[in-house]
Amino acid sequence: MELGTIERELYIEAAPEIVFDVVSKPEHVQQWWPDEARYEAVVGAEGEILFGDPDGEGKVVALTVVEVEPPTRFSFRWTHAADEVAATGNSLLVTIDLVPQGAGTLLRFSETGFRERGWEAAVLEEWYRDHSRGWDHFLPRIAPYVATLVEQP
């Protein structure tokens, strides 16, 4: 099994402009992915996402916005140490491309950078499998959330 890139595709019944907001703006992102998202959707912005209760068993993860090209692409680096500048080798890169398709949008997701982290094989496999399971859980939550934002005829 190749442990270098996680890729997923899903179709969403909404215009790319709506889907772009849902995958890029923190107030929408936290409706389908982390419990809280704190960042600006502008290139170079640094922020964080929170899973669970940060004062308890929760986790705070650094995030840096890399690309913002409405309504076709949003990408960010994450998982780097909060005191480091996100770069190849210390973080993972998530890229979300949005392609108009019929009356909706094809969302193409990829997460790369696992091998570049320099982890030993067991750690690489653990991170890859954990993230793969995570995206399998979170990405399917986008379409139902988008549906709550789109007026139904």
Protein backbone atom coordinates (compact mmCIF):
# COMPACT_ATOMS: atom_id res chain seq x y z
CA MET A 1 0.00 0.00 0.00
CA GLU A 2 1.30 3.45 -0.92
CA LEU A 3 1.35 5.66 2.17
CA GLY A 4 2.23 8.95 0.49
CA THR A 5 -1.09 10.55 -0.49
CA ILE A 6 -4.68 10.31 0.66
CA GLU A 7 -7.15 11.14 -2.13
CA ARG A 8 -10.92 11.32 -2.09
CA GLU A 9 -13.62 12.62 -4.43
CA LEU A 10 -17.21 13.46 -3.70
CA TYR A 11 -20.04 15.14 -5.53
CA ILE A 12 -21.94 17.92 -3.80
CA GLU A 13 -25.24 19.30 -5.05
CA ALA A 14 -24.33 22.97 -4.83
CA ALA A 15 -22.42 25.57 -6.81
CA PRO A 16 -18.63 25.74 -6.35
CA GLU A 17 -18.99 29.18 -4.71
CA ILE A 18 -21.06 27.70 -1.88
CA VAL A 19 -18.83 24.64 -1.47
CA PHE A 20 -15.74 26.87 -1.46
CA ASP A 21 -17.08 28.83 1.51
CA VAL A 22 -17.87 25.58 3.34
CA VAL A 23 -14.34 24.19 2.91
CA SER A 24 -12.46 27.44 3.51
CA LYS A 25 -14.24 29.64 6.05
CA PRO A 26 -13.70 28.65 9.69
CA GLU A 27 -17.33 29.19 10.71
CA HIS A 28 -18.35 26.57 8.13
CA VAL A 29 -15.35 24.23 8.47
CA GLN A 30 -16.09 23.70 12.16
CA GLN A 31 -19.56 22.45 11.24
CA TRP A 32 -18.15 19.37 9.51
CA TRP A 33 -14.56 18.88 10.70
CA PRO A 34 -12.99 20.21 13.94
CA ASP A 35 -14.89 21.37 17.00
CA GLU A 36 -13.40 24.84 16.54
CA ALA A 37 -11.43 26.57 13.78
CA ARG A 38 -9.48 29.78 14.29
CA TYR A 39 -7.82 31.24 11.19
CA GLU A 40 -8.40 33.71 8.39
CA ALA A 41 -8.98 32.29 4.91
CA VAL A 42 -6.12 34.32 3.40
CA VAL A 43 -2.79 33.09 2.05
CA GLY A 44 -0.17 32.93 4.78
CA ALA A 45 -2.63 33.18 7.66
CA GLU A 46 -1.67 31.09 10.67
CA GLY A 47 -4.25 29.66 13.00
CA GLU A 48 -5.38 26.52 14.70
CA ILE A 49 -8.08 23.93 14.80
CA LEU A 50 -9.32 22.26 17.94
CA PHE A 51 -10.64 18.77 18.41
CA GLY A 52 -12.49 18.09 21.64
CA ASP A 53 -11.88 20.02 24.85
CA PRO A 54 -8.36 21.55 24.75
CA ASP A 55 -8.35 21.64 28.57
CA GLY A 56 -9.11 17.93 28.76
CA GLU A 57 -8.43 15.15 26.26
CA GLY A 58 -8.71 17.55 23.31
CA LYS A 59 -6.06 18.56 20.84
CA VAL A 60 -5.03 21.91 19.34
CA VAL A 61 -3.38 21.66 15.92
CA ALA A 62 -1.53 24.45 14.08
CA LEU A 63 -2.74 25.34 10.58
CA THR A 64 -1.33 27.67 7.89
CA VAL A 65 -3.33 28.69 4.83
CA VAL A 66 -1.35 28.08 1.62
CA GLU A 67 -3.71 28.78 -1.32
CA VAL A 68 -7.02 30.60 -1.61
CA GLU A 69 -8.40 30.64 -5.15
CA PRO A 70 -12.18 31.12 -4.98
CA PRO A 71 -14.13 29.15 -6.03
CA THR A 72 -11.73 26.45 -7.25
CA ARG A 73 -8.98 25.74 -4.69
CA PHE A 74 -8.24 25.97 -0.99
CA SER A 75 -5.15 24.44 0.61
CA PHE A 76 -3.45 24.49 3.97
CA ARG A 77 -0.60 22.91 5.88
CA TRP A 78 -1.21 21.42 9.29
CA THR A 79 0.23 19.16 12.00
CA HIS A 80 3.45 21.21 12.32
CA ALA A 81 4.61 22.36 15.74
CA ALA A 82 2.94 25.62 16.73
CA ASP A 83 6.32 27.36 17.06
CA GLU A 84 7.49 26.31 13.57
CA VAL A 85 6.76 27.78 10.15
CA ALA A 86 4.78 25.22 8.14
CA ALA A 87 6.89 23.75 5.34
CA THR A 88 7.56 20.56 3.42
CA GLY A 89 9.01 18.10 5.90
CA ASN A 90 7.30 19.37 9.07
CA SER A 91 3.63 19.40 8.06
CA LEU A 92 0.99 17.77 5.90
CA LEU A 93 -0.55 19.59 2.92
CA VAL A 94 -4.30 19.40 2.33
CA THR A 95 -5.57 20.56 -1.07
CA ILE A 96 -9.23 20.83 -1.97
CA ASP A 97 -10.04 21.41 -5.63
CA LEU A 98 -13.59 22.20 -6.71
CA VAL A 99 -14.74 21.42 -10.24
CA PRO A 100 -18.16 22.45 -11.59
CA GLN A 101 -20.04 19.34 -12.62
CA GLY A 102 -23.61 19.48 -13.87
CA ALA A 103 -25.66 21.39 -11.32
CA GLY A 104 -23.16 20.74 -8.56
CA THR A 105 -19.50 20.45 -7.67
CA LEU A 106 -16.96 17.66 -7.73
CA LEU A 107 -14.74 18.02 -4.66
CA ARG A 108 -11.26 16.55 -5.11
CA PHE A 109 -9.39 16.17 -1.84
CA SER A 110 -5.75 15.23 -1.28
CA GLU A 111 -3.46 15.15 1.73
CA THR A 112 0.27 14.77 1.09
CA GLY A 113 3.54 15.04 2.95
CA PHE A 114 3.49 11.84 5.01
CA ARG A 115 6.74 10.47 3.58
CA GLU A 116 8.44 13.87 3.74
CA ARG A 117 8.02 13.92 7.52
CA GLY A 118 10.88 11.42 7.80
CA TRP A 119 9.00 9.13 10.16
CA GLU A 120 10.00 5.52 10.70
CA ALA A 121 7.73 3.05 8.86
CA ALA A 122 5.47 2.21 11.81
CA VAL A 123 4.84 5.89 12.66
CA LEU A 124 4.22 6.73 8.99
CA GLU A 125 1.71 3.90 8.71
CA GLU A 126 -0.05 4.90 11.93
CA TRP A 127 -0.42 8.56 10.88
CA TYR A 128 -1.52 7.61 7.36
CA ARG A 129 -4.16 5.15 8.56
CA ASP A 130 -5.40 7.57 11.25
CA HIS A 131 -5.78 10.42 8.75
CA SER A 132 -7.34 8.13 6.14
CA ARG A 133 -9.97 6.98 8.65
CA GLY A 134 -10.49 10.57 9.79
CA TRP A 135 -11.12 11.91 6.30
CA ASP A 136 -13.44 8.97 5.60
CA HIS A 137 -15.46 10.16 8.60
CA PHE A 138 -15.34 13.93 8.08
CA LEU A 139 -15.50 14.49 4.31
CA PRO A 140 -18.93 12.81 3.90
CA ARG A 141 -20.28 15.36 6.41
CA ILE A 142 -19.74 18.21 3.91
CA ALA A 143 -22.64 17.44 1.55
CA PRO A 144 -25.33 17.23 4.26
CA TYR A 145 -24.06 20.46 5.78
CA VAL A 146 -24.06 22.19 2.38
CA ALA A 147 -27.66 21.01 1.91
CA THR A 148 -28.68 23.03 4.97
CA LEU A 149 -27.32 26.16 3.30
CA VAL A 150 -28.85 25.69 -0.15
CA GLU A 151 -32.47 26.67 -0.75
CA GLN A 152 -34.52 23.73 -1.87
CA PRO A 153 -37.14 24.39 -4.61
